[in-house]
Amino acid sequence: VITGEPVPSGLPEPRASVTSAHDPAVRELMDHLLERGIRHPAM
């Protein structure tokens, strides 16, 4: 099995996985929103 995104904890490991650096991208987005003056964001 090759997974698009790693498996969450608790699942058997695949033979290969493809992923992206999601954490830095979310932080870049949030930094941008902060620069635009937001103080009360929601997801």
Full PDB file with SEQRES, HELIX, SHEET, SSBOND, CRYST1, ORIGX, SCALE, CONECT and MASTER records, all heavy atoms in Angstrom:
SEQRES   1 A   43  VAL ILE THR GLY GLU PRO VAL PRO SER GLY LEU PRO GLU          
SEQRES   2 A   43  PRO ARG ALA SER VAL THR SER ALA HIS ASP PRO ALA VAL          
SEQRES   3 A   43  ARG GLU LEU MET ASP HIS LEU LEU GLU ARG GLY ILE ARG          
SEQRES   4 A   43  HIS PRO ALA MET                                              
HELIX    1 AA1 HIS A   22  GLU A   35  1                                  14    
SHEET    1 AA1 2 ILE A   2  GLY A   4  0                                        
SHEET    2 AA1 2 ALA A  16  VAL A  18  1                                        
CRYST1    1.000    1.000    1.000  90.00  90.00  90.00 P 1           1          
ORIGX1      1.000000  0.000000  0.000000        0.00000                         
ORIGX2      0.000000  1.000000  0.000000        0.00000                         
ORIGX3      0.000000  0.000000  1.000000        0.00000                         
SCALE1      1.000000  0.000000  0.000000        0.00000                         
SCALE2      0.000000  1.000000  0.000000        0.00000                         
SCALE3      0.000000  0.000000  1.000000        0.00000                         
ATOM      1  N   VAL A   1       0.835  -1.190   0.000  1.00  0.00           N  
ATOM      2  CA  VAL A   1       0.000   0.000   0.000  1.00  0.00           C  
ATOM      3  C   VAL A   1       0.877   1.249   0.000  1.00  0.00           C  
ATOM      4  O   VAL A   1       1.841   1.350   0.764  1.00  0.00           O  
ATOM      5  CB  VAL A   1      -0.940   0.023   1.223  1.00  0.00           C  
ATOM      6  CG1 VAL A   1      -1.721   1.337   1.285  1.00  0.00           C  
ATOM      7  CG2 VAL A   1      -1.901  -1.161   1.176  1.00  0.00           C  
ATOM      8  N   ILE A   2       0.518   2.184  -0.857  1.00  0.00           N  
ATOM      9  CA  ILE A   2       1.163   3.491  -0.909  1.00  0.00           C  
ATOM     10  C   ILE A   2       0.100   4.504  -0.518  1.00  0.00           C  
ATOM     11  O   ILE A   2      -0.976   4.552  -1.130  1.00  0.00           O  
ATOM     12  CB  ILE A   2       1.703   3.802  -2.328  1.00  0.00           C  
ATOM     13  CG1 ILE A   2       2.815   2.831  -2.706  1.00  0.00           C  
ATOM     14  CG2 ILE A   2       2.191   5.232  -2.428  1.00  0.00           C  
ATOM     15  CD1 ILE A   2       2.339   1.482  -3.206  1.00  0.00           C  
ATOM     16  N   THR A   3       0.354   5.297   0.498  1.00  0.00           N  
ATOM     17  CA  THR A   3      -0.662   6.231   0.969  1.00  0.00           C  
ATOM     18  C   THR A   3      -0.348   7.655   0.525  1.00  0.00           C  
ATOM     19  O   THR A   3       0.803   8.084   0.552  1.00  0.00           O  
ATOM     20  CB  THR A   3      -0.794   6.201   2.498  1.00  0.00           C  
ATOM     21  OG1 THR A   3       0.458   6.560   3.107  1.00  0.00           O  
ATOM     22  CG2 THR A   3      -1.220   4.822   2.983  1.00  0.00           C  
ATOM     23  N   GLY A   4      -1.385   8.355   0.119  1.00  0.00           N  
ATOM     24  CA  GLY A   4      -1.310   9.784  -0.091  1.00  0.00           C  
ATOM     25  C   GLY A   4      -1.634  10.434   1.237  1.00  0.00           C  
ATOM     26  O   GLY A   4      -2.797  10.497   1.627  1.00  0.00           O  
ATOM     27  N   GLU A   5      -0.616  10.891   1.938  1.00  0.00           N  
ATOM     28  CA  GLU A   5      -0.563  11.336   3.334  1.00  0.00           C  
ATOM     29  C   GLU A   5      -0.261  10.137   4.234  1.00  0.00           C  
ATOM     30  O   GLU A   5      -0.782   9.028   3.999  1.00  0.00           O  
ATOM     31  CB  GLU A   5      -1.841  12.036   3.790  1.00  0.00           C  
ATOM     32  CG  GLU A   5      -2.162  13.316   3.032  1.00  0.00           C  
ATOM     33  CD  GLU A   5      -1.081  14.392   3.134  1.00  0.00           C  
ATOM     34  OE1 GLU A   5      -0.162  14.267   3.978  1.00  0.00           O  
ATOM     35  OE2 GLU A   5      -1.135  15.355   2.359  1.00  0.00           O  
ATOM     36  N   PRO A   6       0.587  10.344   5.224  1.00  0.00           N  
ATOM     37  CA  PRO A   6       0.934   9.258   6.156  1.00  0.00           C  
ATOM     38  C   PRO A   6      -0.295   8.765   6.910  1.00  0.00           C  
ATOM     39  O   PRO A   6      -1.310   9.462   6.999  1.00  0.00           O  
ATOM     40  CB  PRO A   6       1.937   9.925   7.111  1.00  0.00           C  
ATOM     41  CG  PRO A   6       2.475  11.093   6.344  1.00  0.00           C  
ATOM     42  CD  PRO A   6       1.346  11.571   5.490  1.00  0.00           C  
ATOM     43  N   VAL A   7      -0.165   7.562   7.465  1.00  0.00           N  
ATOM     44  CA  VAL A   7      -1.278   7.017   8.253  1.00  0.00           C  
ATOM     45  C   VAL A   7      -1.261   7.627   9.647  1.00  0.00           C  
ATOM     46  O   VAL A   7      -0.193   7.863  10.211  1.00  0.00           O  
ATOM     47  CB  VAL A   7      -1.205   5.479   8.343  1.00  0.00           C  
ATOM     48  CG1 VAL A   7      -1.331   4.855   6.975  1.00  0.00           C  
ATOM     49  CG2 VAL A   7       0.084   5.022   9.012  1.00  0.00           C  
ATOM     50  N   PRO A   8      -2.422   7.895  10.242  1.00  0.00           N  
ATOM     51  CA  PRO A   8      -2.463   8.365  11.627  1.00  0.00           C  
ATOM     52  C   PRO A   8      -1.977   7.272  12.576  1.00  0.00           C  
ATOM     53  O   PRO A   8      -1.962   6.084  12.228  1.00  0.00           O  
ATOM     54  CB  PRO A   8      -3.957   8.663  11.861  1.00  0.00           C  
ATOM     55  CG  PRO A   8      -4.558   8.757  10.504  1.00  0.00           C  
ATOM     56  CD  PRO A   8      -3.749   7.851   9.626  1.00  0.00           C  
ATOM     57  N   SER A   9      -1.571   7.663  13.749  1.00  0.00           N  
ATOM     58  CA  SER A   9      -1.110   6.714  14.754  1.00  0.00           C  
ATOM     59  C   SER A   9      -2.193   5.676  15.038  1.00  0.00           C  
ATOM     60  O   SER A   9      -3.374   6.015  15.169  1.00  0.00           O  
ATOM     61  CB  SER A   9      -0.754   7.451  16.052  1.00  0.00           C  
ATOM     62  OG  SER A   9      -0.353   6.555  17.050  1.00  0.00           O  
ATOM     63  N   GLY A  10      -1.773   4.412  15.111  1.00  0.00           N  
ATOM     64  CA  GLY A  10      -2.723   3.340  15.381  1.00  0.00           C  
ATOM     65  C   GLY A  10      -3.022   2.484  14.171  1.00  0.00           C  
ATOM     66  O   GLY A  10      -3.698   1.463  14.290  1.00  0.00           O  
ATOM     67  N   LEU A  11      -2.520   2.887  12.987  1.00  0.00           N  
ATOM     68  CA  LEU A  11      -2.729   2.111  11.766  1.00  0.00           C  
ATOM     69  C   LEU A  11      -1.420   1.458  11.334  1.00  0.00           C  
ATOM     70  O   LEU A  11      -0.333   1.976  11.612  1.00  0.00           O  
ATOM     71  CB  LEU A  11      -3.241   3.020  10.638  1.00  0.00           C  
ATOM     72  CG  LEU A  11      -4.660   3.572  10.781  1.00  0.00           C  
ATOM     73  CD1 LEU A  11      -4.948   4.562   9.659  1.00  0.00           C  
ATOM     74  CD2 LEU A  11      -5.683   2.447  10.765  1.00  0.00           C  
ATOM     75  N   PRO A  12      -1.493   0.310  10.634  1.00  0.00           N  
ATOM     76  CA  PRO A  12      -0.267  -0.314  10.116  1.00  0.00           C  
ATOM     77  C   PRO A  12       0.453   0.621   9.147  1.00  0.00           C  
ATOM     78  O   PRO A  12      -0.174   1.409   8.442  1.00  0.00           O  
ATOM     79  CB  PRO A  12      -0.785  -1.563   9.404  1.00  0.00           C  
ATOM     80  CG  PRO A  12      -2.125  -1.830   9.997  1.00  0.00           C  
ATOM     81  CD  PRO A  12      -2.697  -0.495  10.348  1.00  0.00           C  
ATOM     82  N   GLU A  13       1.778   0.545   9.104  1.00  0.00           N  
ATOM     83  CA  GLU A  13       2.569   1.400   8.227  1.00  0.00           C  
ATOM     84  C   GLU A  13       2.466   0.924   6.776  1.00  0.00           C  
ATOM     85  O   GLU A  13       2.503  -0.278   6.508  1.00  0.00           O  
ATOM     86  CB  GLU A  13       4.033   1.405   8.653  1.00  0.00           C  
ATOM     87  CG  GLU A  13       4.309   2.212   9.905  1.00  0.00           C  
ATOM     88  CD  GLU A  13       4.083   3.701   9.697  1.00  0.00           C  
ATOM     89  OE1 GLU A  13       4.358   4.205   8.591  1.00  0.00           O  
ATOM     90  OE2 GLU A  13       3.598   4.348  10.645  1.00  0.00           O  
ATOM     91  N   PRO A  14       2.365   1.853   5.827  1.00  0.00           N  
ATOM     92  CA  PRO A  14       2.368   1.478   4.402  1.00  0.00           C  
ATOM     93  C   PRO A  14       3.792   1.261   3.914  1.00  0.00           C  
ATOM     94  O   PRO A  14       4.762   1.556   4.621  1.00  0.00           O  
ATOM     95  CB  PRO A  14       1.744   2.708   3.741  1.00  0.00           C  
ATOM     96  CG  PRO A  14       2.205   3.850   4.615  1.00  0.00           C  
ATOM     97  CD  PRO A  14       2.196   3.299   6.023  1.00  0.00           C  
ATOM     98  N   ARG A  15       3.937   0.767   2.678  1.00  0.00           N  
ATOM     99  CA  ARG A  15       5.262   0.604   2.089  1.00  0.00           C  
ATOM    100  C   ARG A  15       5.852   1.950   1.666  1.00  0.00           C  
ATOM    101  O   ARG A  15       7.071   2.102   1.586  1.00  0.00           O  
ATOM    102  CB  ARG A  15       5.183  -0.335   0.883  1.00  0.00           C  
ATOM    103  CG  ARG A  15       5.035  -1.789   1.253  1.00  0.00           C  
ATOM    104  CD  ARG A  15       6.295  -2.361   1.889  1.00  0.00           C  
ATOM    105  NE  ARG A  15       7.474  -2.184   1.061  1.00  0.00           N  
ATOM    106  CZ  ARG A  15       7.819  -2.997   0.070  1.00  0.00           C  
ATOM    107  NH1 ARG A  15       7.078  -4.056  -0.203  1.00  0.00           N  
ATOM    108  NH2 ARG A  15       8.907  -2.767  -0.647  1.00  0.00           N  
ATOM    109  N   ALA A  16       4.992   2.902   1.364  1.00  0.00           N  
ATOM    110  CA  ALA A  16       5.455   4.236   0.980  1.00  0.00           C  
ATOM    111  C   ALA A  16       4.339   5.228   1.255  1.00  0.00           C  
ATOM    112  O   ALA A  16       3.162   4.857   1.313  1.00  0.00           O  
ATOM    113  CB  ALA A  16       5.850   4.272  -0.491  1.00  0.00           C  
ATOM    114  N   SER A  17       4.718   6.483   1.443  1.00  0.00           N  
ATOM    115  CA  SER A  17       3.708   7.528   1.615  1.00  0.00           C  
ATOM    116  C   SER A  17       4.204   8.817   0.978  1.00  0.00           C  
ATOM    117  O   SER A  17       5.401   9.074   0.897  1.00  0.00           O  
ATOM    118  CB  SER A  17       3.388   7.762   3.100  1.00  0.00           C  
ATOM    119  OG  SER A  17       4.523   8.257   3.790  1.00  0.00           O  
ATOM    120  N   VAL A  18       3.253   9.605   0.507  1.00  0.00           N  
ATOM    121  CA  VAL A  18       3.525  10.916  -0.072  1.00  0.00           C  
ATOM    122  C   VAL A  18       2.806  11.935   0.785  1.00  0.00           C  
ATOM    123  O   VAL A  18       1.652  11.719   1.188  1.00  0.00           O  
ATOM    124  CB  VAL A  18       3.037  10.990  -1.535  1.00  0.00           C  
ATOM    125  CG1 VAL A  18       3.285  12.373  -2.123  1.00  0.00           C  
ATOM    126  CG2 VAL A  18       3.714   9.918  -2.377  1.00  0.00           C  
ATOM    127  N   THR A  19       3.457  13.037   1.093  1.00  0.00           N  
ATOM    128  CA  THR A  19       2.861  14.020   1.983  1.00  0.00           C  
ATOM    129  C   THR A  19       3.283  15.416   1.559  1.00  0.00           C  
ATOM    130  O   THR A  19       3.969  15.601   0.546  1.00  0.00           O  
ATOM    131  CB  THR A  19       3.256  13.747   3.451  1.00  0.00           C  
ATOM    132  OG1 THR A  19       2.513  14.629   4.317  1.00  0.00           O  
ATOM    133  CG2 THR A  19       4.752  13.983   3.665  1.00  0.00           C  
ATOM    134  N   SER A  20       2.869  16.413   2.309  1.00  0.00           N  
ATOM    135  CA  SER A  20       3.263  17.801   2.089  1.00  0.00           C  
ATOM    136  C   SER A  20       3.516  18.450   3.438  1.00  0.00           C  
ATOM    137  O   SER A  20       3.069  17.953   4.472  1.00  0.00           O  
ATOM    138  CB  SER A  20       2.169  18.572   1.330  1.00  0.00           C  
ATOM    139  OG  SER A  20       1.953  18.025   0.046  1.00  0.00           O  
ATOM    140  N   ALA A  21       4.232  19.577   3.419  1.00  0.00           N  
ATOM    141  CA  ALA A  21       4.544  20.293   4.658  1.00  0.00           C  
ATOM    142  C   ALA A  21       3.361  21.182   5.034  1.00  0.00           C  
ATOM    143  O   ALA A  21       3.367  22.398   4.811  1.00  0.00           O  
ATOM    144  CB  ALA A  21       5.820  21.115   4.485  1.00  0.00           C  
ATOM    145  N   HIS A  22       2.325  20.578   5.626  1.00  0.00           N  
ATOM    146  CA  HIS A  22       1.100  21.306   5.919  1.00  0.00           C  
ATOM    147  C   HIS A  22       1.267  22.308   7.059  1.00  0.00           C  
ATOM    148  O   HIS A  22       0.701  23.410   7.018  1.00  0.00           O  
ATOM    149  CB  HIS A  22      -0.012  20.320   6.262  1.00  0.00           C  
ATOM    150  CG  HIS A  22      -0.318  19.355   5.168  1.00  0.00           C  
ATOM    151  ND1 HIS A  22      -0.859  19.745   3.959  1.00  0.00           N  
ATOM    152  CD2 HIS A  22      -0.143  18.006   5.075  1.00  0.00           C  
ATOM    153  CE1 HIS A  22      -1.006  18.701   3.180  1.00  0.00           C  
ATOM    154  NE2 HIS A  22      -0.580  17.634   3.829  1.00  0.00           N  
ATOM    155  N   ASP A  23       2.018  21.927   8.088  1.00  0.00           N  
ATOM    156  CA  ASP A  23       2.174  22.806   9.254  1.00  0.00           C  
ATOM    157  C   ASP A  23       2.741  24.174   8.871  1.00  0.00           C  
ATOM    158  O   ASP A  23       2.156  25.219   9.227  1.00  0.00           O  
ATOM    159  CB  ASP A  23       3.044  22.111  10.310  1.00  0.00           C  
ATOM    160  CG  ASP A  23       3.176  22.921  11.589  1.00  0.00           C  
ATOM    161  OD1 ASP A  23       3.904  23.942  11.586  1.00  0.00           O  
ATOM    162  OD2 ASP A  23       2.553  22.540  12.607  1.00  0.00           O  
ATOM    163  N   PRO A  24       3.858  24.246   8.131  1.00  0.00           N  
ATOM    164  CA  PRO A  24       4.373  25.567   7.753  1.00  0.00           C  
ATOM    165  C   PRO A  24       3.408  26.379   6.898  1.00  0.00           C  
ATOM    166  O   PRO A  24       3.351  27.602   7.019  1.00  0.00           O  
ATOM    167  CB  PRO A  24       5.654  25.229   6.971  1.00  0.00           C  
ATOM    168  CG  PRO A  24       6.042  23.872   7.413  1.00  0.00           C  
ATOM    169  CD  PRO A  24       4.760  23.159   7.705  1.00  0.00           C  
ATOM    170  N   ALA A  25       2.646  25.703   6.033  1.00  0.00           N  
ATOM    171  CA  ALA A  25       1.703  26.422   5.177  1.00  0.00           C  
ATOM    172  C   ALA A  25       0.576  27.040   6.001  1.00  0.00           C  
ATOM    173  O   ALA A  25       0.166  28.185   5.760  1.00  0.00           O  
ATOM    174  CB  ALA A  25       1.131  25.482   4.122  1.00  0.00           C  
ATOM    175  N   VAL A  26       0.059  26.290   6.976  1.00  0.00           N  
ATOM    176  CA  VAL A  26      -0.991  26.831   7.845  1.00  0.00           C  
ATOM    177  C   VAL A  26      -0.450  28.019   8.630  1.00  0.00           C  
ATOM    178  O   VAL A  26      -1.125  29.052   8.780  1.00  0.00           O  
ATOM    179  CB  VAL A  26      -1.530  25.748   8.801  1.00  0.00           C  
ATOM    180  CG1 VAL A  26      -2.488  26.355   9.825  1.00  0.00           C  
ATOM    181  CG2 VAL A  26      -2.235  24.644   8.009  1.00  0.00           C  
ATOM    182  N   ARG A  27       0.769  27.902   9.113  1.00  0.00           N  
ATOM    183  CA  ARG A  27       1.374  29.005   9.873  1.00  0.00           C  
ATOM    184  C   ARG A  27       1.588  30.232   8.994  1.00  0.00           C  
ATOM    185  O   ARG A  27       1.395  31.366   9.441  1.00  0.00           O  
ATOM    186  CB  ARG A  27       2.692  28.546  10.495  1.00  0.00           C  
ATOM    187  CG  ARG A  27       2.497  27.531  11.623  1.00  0.00           C  
ATOM    188  CD  ARG A  27       3.827  26.999  12.139  1.00  0.00           C  
ATOM    189  NE  ARG A  27       3.593  26.090  13.255  1.00  0.00           N  
ATOM    190  CZ  ARG A  27       3.453  26.473  14.520  1.00  0.00           C  
ATOM    191  NH1 ARG A  27       3.535  27.763  14.825  1.00  0.00           N  
ATOM    192  NH2 ARG A  27       3.239  25.595  15.472  1.00  0.00           N  
ATOM    193  N   GLU A  28       1.998  30.006   7.749  1.00  0.00           N  
ATOM    194  CA  GLU A  28       2.153  31.130   6.822  1.00  0.00           C  
ATOM    195  C   GLU A  28       0.820  31.834   6.600  1.00  0.00           C  
ATOM    196  O   GLU A  28       0.747  33.076   6.578  1.00  0.00           O  
ATOM    197  CB  GLU A  28       2.716  30.638   5.495  1.00  0.00           C  
ATOM    198  CG  GLU A  28       2.932  31.750   4.477  1.00  0.00           C  
ATOM    199  CD  GLU A  28       3.422  31.237   3.130  1.00  0.00           C  
ATOM    200  OE1 GLU A  28       3.699  30.022   3.018  1.00  0.00           O  
ATOM    201  OE2 GLU A  28       3.524  32.056   2.196  1.00  0.00           O  
ATOM    202  N   LEU A  29      -0.241  31.057   6.444  1.00  0.00           N  
ATOM    203  CA  LEU A  29      -1.571  31.634   6.271  1.00  0.00           C  
ATOM    204  C   LEU A  29      -1.982  32.427   7.508  1.00  0.00           C  
ATOM    205  O   LEU A  29      -2.478  33.561   7.408  1.00  0.00           O  
ATOM    206  CB  LEU A  29      -2.581  30.528   5.989  1.00  0.00           C  
ATOM    207  CG  LEU A  29      -4.057  30.938   5.972  1.00  0.00           C  
ATOM    208  CD1 LEU A  29      -4.317  31.965   4.885  1.00  0.00           C  
ATOM    209  CD2 LEU A  29      -4.954  29.719   5.790  1.00  0.00           C  
ATOM    210  N   MET A  30      -1.781  31.848   8.685  1.00  0.00           N  
ATOM    211  CA  MET A  30      -2.187  32.522   9.920  1.00  0.00           C  
ATOM    212  C   MET A  30      -1.361  33.790  10.165  1.00  0.00           C  
ATOM    213  O   MET A  30      -1.889  34.804  10.644  1.00  0.00           O  
ATOM    214  CB  MET A  30      -2.075  31.565  11.101  1.00  0.00           C  
ATOM    215  CG  MET A  30      -3.013  30.354  11.029  1.00  0.00           C  
ATOM    216  SD  MET A  30      -4.750  30.782  10.735  1.00  0.00           S  
ATOM    217  CE  MET A  30      -5.095  31.781  12.202  1.00  0.00           C  
ATOM    218  N   ASP A  31      -0.068  33.752   9.838  1.00  0.00           N  
ATOM    219  CA  ASP A  31       0.759  34.959   9.964  1.00  0.00           C  
ATOM    220  C   ASP A  31       0.220  36.070   9.063  1.00  0.00           C  
ATOM    221  O   ASP A  31       0.199  37.252   9.450  1.00  0.00           O  
ATOM    222  CB  ASP A  31       2.211  34.648   9.587  1.00  0.00           C  
ATOM    223  CG  ASP A  31       2.940  33.828  10.647  1.00  0.00           C  
ATOM    224  OD1 ASP A  31       2.465  33.774  11.801  1.00  0.00           O  
ATOM    225  OD2 ASP A  31       3.996  33.238  10.312  1.00  0.00           O  
ATOM    226  N   HIS A  32      -0.201  35.693   7.878  1.00  0.00           N  
ATOM    227  CA  HIS A  32      -0.786  36.665   6.943  1.00  0.00           C  
ATOM    228  C   HIS A  32      -2.054  37.276   7.533  1.00  0.00           C  
ATOM    229  O   HIS A  32      -2.247  38.507   7.473  1.00  0.00           O  
ATOM    230  CB  HIS A  32      -1.089  35.968   5.619  1.00  0.00           C  
ATOM    231  CG  HIS A  32      -2.032  36.700   4.729  1.00  0.00           C  
ATOM    232  ND1 HIS A  32      -1.706  37.864   4.074  1.00  0.00           N  
ATOM    233  CD2 HIS A  32      -3.333  36.420   4.384  1.00  0.00           C  
ATOM    234  CE1 HIS A  32      -2.748  38.280   3.359  1.00  0.00           C  
ATOM    235  NE2 HIS A  32      -3.743  37.424   3.526  1.00  0.00           N  
ATOM    236  N   LEU A  33      -2.915  36.442   8.103  1.00  0.00           N  
ATOM    237  CA  LEU A  33      -4.150  36.957   8.702  1.00  0.00           C  
ATOM    238  C   LEU A  33      -3.838  37.893   9.860  1.00  0.00           C  
ATOM    239  O   LEU A  33      -4.510  38.929  10.039  1.00  0.00           O  
ATOM    240  CB  LEU A  33      -5.026  35.791   9.181  1.00  0.00           C  
ATOM    241  CG  LEU A  33      -5.556  34.841   8.098  1.00  0.00           C  
ATOM    242  CD1 LEU A  33      -6.379  33.724   8.725  1.00  0.00           C  
ATOM    243  CD2 LEU A  33      -6.379  35.591   7.060  1.00  0.00           C  
ATOM    244  N   LEU A  34      -2.816  37.557  10.643  1.00  0.00           N  
ATOM    245  CA  LEU A  34      -2.424  38.413  11.764  1.00  0.00           C  
ATOM    246  C   LEU A  34      -1.943  39.768  11.257  1.00  0.00           C  
ATOM    247  O   LEU A  34      -2.280  40.818  11.832  1.00  0.00           O  
ATOM    248  CB  LEU A  34      -1.333  37.724  12.581  1.00  0.00           C  
ATOM    249  CG  LEU A  34      -0.930  38.398  13.898  1.00  0.00           C  
ATOM    250  CD1 LEU A  34      -2.089  38.372  14.887  1.00  0.00           C  
ATOM    251  CD2 LEU A  34       0.298  37.713  14.490  1.00  0.00           C  
ATOM    252  N   GLU A  35      -1.159  39.765  10.193  1.00  0.00           N  
ATOM    253  CA  GLU A  35      -0.691  41.015   9.595  1.00  0.00           C  
ATOM    254  C   GLU A  35      -1.849  41.864   9.082  1.00  0.00           C  
ATOM    255  O   GLU A  35      -1.756  43.095   9.042  1.00  0.00           O  
ATOM    256  CB  GLU A  35       0.280  40.719   8.454  1.00  0.00           C  
ATOM    257  CG  GLU A  35       1.601  40.129   8.908  1.00  0.00           C  
ATOM    258  CD  GLU A  35       2.462  39.671   7.746  1.00  0.00           C  
ATOM    259  OE1 GLU A  35       2.004  39.829   6.583  1.00  0.00           O  
ATOM    260  OE2 GLU A  35       3.572  39.162   7.982  1.00  0.00           O  
ATOM    261  N   ARG A  36      -2.928  41.199   8.711  1.00  0.00           N  
ATOM    262  CA  ARG A  36      -4.118  41.918   8.237  1.00  0.00           C  
ATOM    263  C   ARG A  36      -4.993  42.406   9.395  1.00  0.00           C  
ATOM    264  O   ARG A  36      -6.039  43.010   9.172  1.00  0.00           O  
ATOM    265  CB  ARG A  36      -4.934  41.002   7.323  1.00  0.00           C  
ATOM    266  CG  ARG A  36      -4.245  40.665   6.005  1.00  0.00           C  
ATOM    267  CD  ARG A  36      -4.272  41.839   5.038  1.00  0.00           C  
ATOM    268  NE  ARG A  36      -5.655  42.140   4.660  1.00  0.00           N  
ATOM    269  CZ  ARG A  36      -6.140  43.354   4.425  1.00  0.00           C  
ATOM    270  NH1 ARG A  36      -5.355  44.404   4.535  1.00  0.00           N  
ATOM    271  NH2 ARG A  36      -7.404  43.526   4.096  1.00  0.00           N  
ATOM    272  N   GLY A  37      -4.570  42.130  10.627  1.00  0.00           N  
ATOM    273  CA  GLY A  37      -5.252  42.708  11.779  1.00  0.00           C  
ATOM    274  C   GLY A  37      -6.207  41.805  12.526  1.00  0.00           C  
ATOM    275  O   GLY A  37      -6.870  42.248  13.467  1.00  0.00           O  
ATOM    276  N   ILE A  38      -6.305  40.526  12.175  1.00  0.00           N  
ATOM    277  CA  ILE A  38      -7.255  39.651  12.875  1.00  0.00           C  
ATOM    278  C   ILE A  38      -6.744  39.329  14.285  1.00  0.00           C  
ATOM    279  O   ILE A  38      -5.538  39.259  14.528  1.00  0.00           O  
ATOM    280  CB  ILE A  38      -7.538  38.355  12.084  1.00  0.00           C  
ATOM    281  CG1 ILE A  38      -6.277  37.466  12.003  1.00  0.00           C  
ATOM    282  CG2 ILE A  38      -8.043  38.679  10.699  1.00  0.00           C  
ATOM    283  CD1 ILE A  38      -6.243  36.350  13.005  1.00  0.00           C  
ATOM    284  N   ARG A  39      -7.686  39.141  15.193  1.00  0.00           N  
ATOM    285  CA  ARG A  39      -7.353  38.782  16.572  1.00  0.00           C  
ATOM    286  C   ARG A  39      -8.243  37.668  17.108  1.00  0.00           C  
ATOM    287  O   ARG A  39      -7.980  37.122  18.170  1.00  0.00           O  
ATOM    288  CB  ARG A  39      -7.474  40.008  17.484  1.00  0.00           C  
ATOM    289  CG  ARG A  39      -6.455  41.110  17.220  1.00  0.00           C  
ATOM    290  CD  ARG A  39      -5.033  40.633  17.444  1.00  0.00           C  
ATOM    291  NE  ARG A  39      -4.040  41.686  17.204  1.00  0.00           N  
ATOM    292  CZ  ARG A  39      -3.487  41.934  16.035  1.00  0.00           C  
ATOM    293  NH1 ARG A  39      -3.822  41.191  14.970  1.00  0.00           N  
ATOM    294  NH2 ARG A  39      -2.596  42.889  15.879  1.00  0.00           N  
ATOM    295  N   HIS A  40      -9.295  37.335  16.366  1.00  0.00           N  
ATOM    296  CA  HIS A  40     -10.238  36.319  16.840  1.00  0.00           C  
ATOM    297  C   HIS A  40     -10.585  35.346  15.708  1.00  0.00           C  
ATOM    298  O   HIS A  40     -11.711  35.335  15.201  1.00  0.00           O  
ATOM    299  CB  HIS A  40     -11.511  36.990  17.379  1.00  0.00           C  
ATOM    300  CG  HIS A  40     -11.241  38.020  18.422  1.00  0.00           C  
ATOM    301  ND1 HIS A  40     -10.877  37.711  19.708  1.00  0.00           N  
ATOM    302  CD2 HIS A  40     -11.256  39.387  18.346  1.00  0.00           C  
ATOM    303  CE1 HIS A  40     -10.696  38.807  20.404  1.00  0.00           C  
ATOM    304  NE2 HIS A  40     -10.906  39.844  19.604  1.00  0.00           N  
ATOM    305  N   PRO A  41      -9.629  34.512  15.315  1.00  0.00           N  
ATOM    306  CA  PRO A  41      -9.868  33.579  14.212  1.00  0.00           C  
ATOM    307  C   PRO A  41     -10.609  32.322  14.675  1.00  0.00           C  
ATOM    308  O   PRO A  41     -10.567  31.953  15.856  1.00  0.00           O  
ATOM    309  CB  PRO A  41      -8.458  33.220  13.752  1.00  0.00           C  
ATOM    310  CG  PRO A  41      -7.646  33.285  15.019  1.00  0.00           C  
ATOM    311  CD  PRO A  41      -8.240  34.421  15.816  1.00  0.00           C  
ATOM    312  N   ALA A  42     -11.270  31.689  13.734  1.00  0.00           N  
ATOM    313  CA  ALA A  42     -11.941  30.416  14.003  1.00  0.00           C  
ATOM    314  C   ALA A  42     -11.670  29.466  12.847  1.00  0.00           C  
ATOM    315  O   ALA A  42     -11.413  29.888  11.714  1.00  0.00           O  
ATOM    316  CB  ALA A  42     -13.443  30.625  14.171  1.00  0.00           C  
ATOM    317  N   MET A  43     -11.732  28.174  13.157  1.00  0.00           N  
ATOM    318  CA  MET A  43     -11.588  27.143  12.125  1.00  0.00           C  
ATOM    319  C   MET A  43     -12.870  26.345  12.042  1.00  0.00           C  
ATOM    320  O   MET A  43     -13.421  25.932  13.063  1.00  0.00           O  
ATOM    321  CB  MET A  43     -10.410  26.210  12.441  1.00  0.00           C  
ATOM    322  CG  MET A  43     -10.316  24.998  11.510  1.00  0.00           C  
ATOM    323  SD  MET A  43      -8.886  23.926  11.816  1.00  0.00           S  
ATOM    324  CE  MET A  43      -7.614  24.836  10.939  1.00  0.00           C  
TER     325      MET A  43                                                      
MASTER        0    0    0    1    2    0    0    6  324    1    0    4          
END                                                                             
